[in-house]
Amino acid sequence: MKLVRWNPWQEMNTMQHQLNRLFDDVLTPSDLFERGFAKVPAVEIAETSEAINLKLELPGIDKKDLDVQVTENAVYISGERKQESKTEENGVTKTEFHYGNFQRVIPLSTRIQNTEVKAEYKDGILNLTLPKTSEEKNKVVKVNLDEHSP
């Protein structure tokens, strides 16, 4: 019997290659959706002293298929991307698009005036302007320092 020197780094390297191959082969985007992973819209959040500006990416979705609800603390959005029915005569269609329902809850860092929200939906981008409540706007207070403090 021949003695082989054990190299723990080689075993870790082999395991890493096996994991990479597993994720490369099994979890392509189309497989993720077929396995039930839900796709949620990407979001950008920008905060100013007056408002929170929220931008959601919703390509291929009609505004009639969107439901947007806003509370003082969160934005709830749900919708559906409907699949077009096509008949292919001589070919195969493979898609990585996600069709169906989605929903997302976006918690807000400050309270907002949900009755004053402004929305614009254009080219698959939903822009929400969420004005802050007056209490939230005035959270920063200047503190005067007394010269006689210890």
Protein backbone atom coordinates (compact mmCIF):
# COMPACT_ATOMS: atom_id res chain seq x y z
CA MET A 1 0.00 0.00 0.00
CA LYS A 2 1.30 3.38 -1.01
CA LEU A 3 1.20 6.35 1.38
CA VAL A 4 -0.34 9.55 0.01
CA ARG A 5 0.28 12.86 1.66
CA TRP A 6 -2.99 14.55 2.70
CA ASN A 7 -3.49 18.12 1.51
CA PRO A 8 -6.49 19.81 3.21
CA TRP A 9 -6.31 22.77 0.79
CA GLN A 10 -6.81 20.49 -2.19
CA GLU A 11 -9.98 19.06 -0.62
CA MET A 12 -11.35 22.57 -0.02
CA ASN A 13 -10.51 23.52 -3.61
CA THR A 14 -12.32 20.42 -4.91
CA MET A 15 -15.35 21.18 -2.76
CA GLN A 16 -15.46 24.79 -4.02
CA HIS A 17 -15.38 23.60 -7.65
CA GLN A 18 -18.20 21.15 -6.95
CA LEU A 19 -20.35 23.88 -5.33
CA ASN A 20 -19.69 26.28 -8.21
CA ARG A 21 -20.66 23.61 -10.73
CA LEU A 22 -23.81 22.83 -8.74
CA PHE A 23 -24.94 26.47 -8.79
CA ASP A 24 -23.91 27.00 -12.42
CA ASP A 25 -25.79 23.95 -13.65
CA VAL A 26 -28.85 23.95 -11.42
CA LEU A 27 -29.71 27.55 -10.63
CA THR A 28 -29.94 29.36 -13.94
CA PRO A 29 -32.54 32.18 -13.83
CA SER A 30 -35.21 30.12 -15.60
CA ASP A 31 -34.71 27.26 -13.14
CA LEU A 32 -35.10 29.61 -10.19
CA PHE A 33 -38.57 30.64 -11.37
CA GLU A 34 -39.59 27.09 -12.20
CA ARG A 35 -38.66 26.07 -8.66
CA GLY A 36 -41.00 28.64 -7.16
CA PHE A 37 -38.63 31.46 -6.27
CA ALA A 38 -40.59 34.70 -6.61
CA LYS A 39 -39.14 37.67 -8.45
CA VAL A 40 -39.63 41.01 -6.78
CA PRO A 41 -39.06 44.39 -8.42
CA ALA A 42 -35.75 46.13 -7.83
CA VAL A 43 -35.97 49.35 -5.82
CA GLU A 44 -33.95 52.54 -5.32
CA ILE A 45 -34.59 54.70 -2.27
CA ALA A 46 -33.34 58.29 -1.92
CA GLU A 47 -34.12 60.37 1.15
CA THR A 48 -34.08 64.15 1.41
CA SER A 49 -35.06 66.37 4.33
CA GLU A 50 -38.55 66.76 2.80
CA ALA A 51 -39.40 63.36 1.33
CA ILE A 52 -38.47 59.79 0.49
CA ASN A 53 -38.18 59.13 -3.24
CA LEU A 54 -38.83 55.54 -4.19
CA LYS A 55 -38.16 54.14 -7.66
CA LEU A 56 -39.30 50.62 -8.63
CA GLU A 57 -38.35 48.74 -11.77
CA LEU A 58 -41.46 47.09 -13.28
CA PRO A 59 -40.75 46.38 -16.96
CA GLY A 60 -43.52 44.86 -19.05
CA ILE A 61 -46.28 45.48 -16.53
CA ASP A 62 -49.36 47.59 -17.32
CA LYS A 63 -50.30 50.11 -14.65
CA LYS A 64 -53.78 48.57 -14.52
CA ASP A 65 -52.08 45.38 -13.25
CA LEU A 66 -50.41 47.19 -10.31
CA ASP A 67 -51.72 47.76 -6.81
CA VAL A 68 -49.78 50.30 -4.71
CA GLN A 69 -50.75 50.98 -1.09
CA VAL A 70 -48.91 53.31 1.26
CA THR A 71 -49.11 53.51 5.04
CA GLU A 72 -47.17 55.90 7.28
CA ASN A 73 -44.41 53.30 7.65
CA ALA A 74 -44.32 51.15 4.50
CA VAL A 75 -45.13 50.79 0.81
CA TYR A 76 -46.99 47.67 -0.33
CA ILE A 77 -46.85 46.87 -4.03
CA SER A 78 -48.29 43.92 -5.86
CA GLY A 79 -49.01 43.17 -9.45
CA GLU A 80 -48.99 40.70 -12.26
CA ARG A 81 -46.98 40.34 -15.43
CA LYS A 82 -49.26 38.60 -17.88
CA GLN A 83 -47.84 36.22 -20.42
CA GLU A 84 -48.70 36.79 -24.05
CA SER A 85 -50.02 33.68 -25.73
CA LYS A 86 -48.03 32.87 -28.86
CA THR A 87 -48.09 29.95 -31.22
CA GLU A 88 -44.78 28.84 -32.65
CA GLU A 89 -45.00 26.85 -35.87
CA ASN A 90 -41.40 25.71 -36.44
CA GLY A 91 -39.30 26.53 -33.47
CA VAL A 92 -38.64 26.37 -29.78
CA THR A 93 -39.03 29.28 -27.39
CA LYS A 94 -36.98 29.45 -24.20
CA THR A 95 -37.74 32.26 -21.81
CA GLU A 96 -36.13 33.53 -18.63
CA PHE A 97 -38.90 36.09 -18.14
CA HIS A 98 -40.96 35.77 -15.01
CA TYR A 99 -44.70 35.79 -15.52
CA GLY A 100 -47.27 35.81 -12.79
CA ASN A 101 -47.97 37.59 -9.53
CA PHE A 102 -45.49 39.36 -7.29
CA GLN A 103 -45.64 41.41 -4.13
CA ARG A 104 -43.20 43.43 -2.11
CA VAL A 105 -43.31 45.34 1.16
CA ILE A 106 -40.80 48.16 1.54
CA PRO A 107 -40.43 49.45 5.11
CA LEU A 108 -39.73 53.16 5.39
CA SER A 109 -37.13 54.70 7.69
CA THR A 110 -39.37 57.63 8.69
CA ARG A 111 -43.08 58.32 8.89
CA ILE A 112 -44.65 59.87 5.84
CA GLN A 113 -47.87 61.68 4.94
CA ASN A 114 -49.50 58.84 3.04
CA THR A 115 -52.37 61.08 1.88
CA GLU A 116 -49.92 63.32 -0.06
CA VAL A 117 -48.03 60.68 -2.07
CA LYS A 118 -47.29 61.48 -5.71
CA ALA A 119 -46.85 58.69 -8.25
CA GLU A 120 -45.61 58.59 -11.84
CA TYR A 121 -45.39 55.42 -13.96
CA LYS A 122 -43.50 55.67 -17.23
CA ASP A 123 -41.48 53.20 -19.31
CA GLY A 124 -41.71 50.46 -16.68
CA ILE A 125 -40.43 52.67 -13.85
CA LEU A 126 -42.68 53.63 -10.94
CA ASN A 127 -41.59 56.81 -9.14
CA LEU A 128 -43.17 57.55 -5.76
CA THR A 129 -42.58 60.77 -3.86
CA LEU A 130 -43.44 60.19 -0.21
CA PRO A 131 -43.46 63.48 1.74
CA LYS A 132 -42.35 63.22 5.36
CA THR A 133 -44.65 64.22 8.20
CA SER A 134 -43.92 67.61 9.74
CA GLU A 135 -42.67 65.89 12.93
CA GLU A 136 -40.12 63.94 10.90
CA LYS A 137 -38.94 67.06 9.06
CA ASN A 138 -38.21 68.81 12.37
CA LYS A 139 -36.30 65.99 14.07
CA VAL A 140 -32.97 67.84 14.00
CA VAL A 141 -32.83 70.40 16.78
CA LYS A 142 -29.95 72.79 17.44
CA VAL A 143 -28.71 72.51 21.01
CA ASN A 144 -27.23 75.58 22.66
CA LEU A 145 -24.21 74.85 24.80
CA ASP A 146 -24.11 76.58 28.15
CA GLU A 147 -20.63 77.86 29.04
CA HIS A 148 -21.22 76.98 32.70
CA SER A 149 -21.92 73.29 32.13
CA PRO A 150 -19.60 70.87 33.99
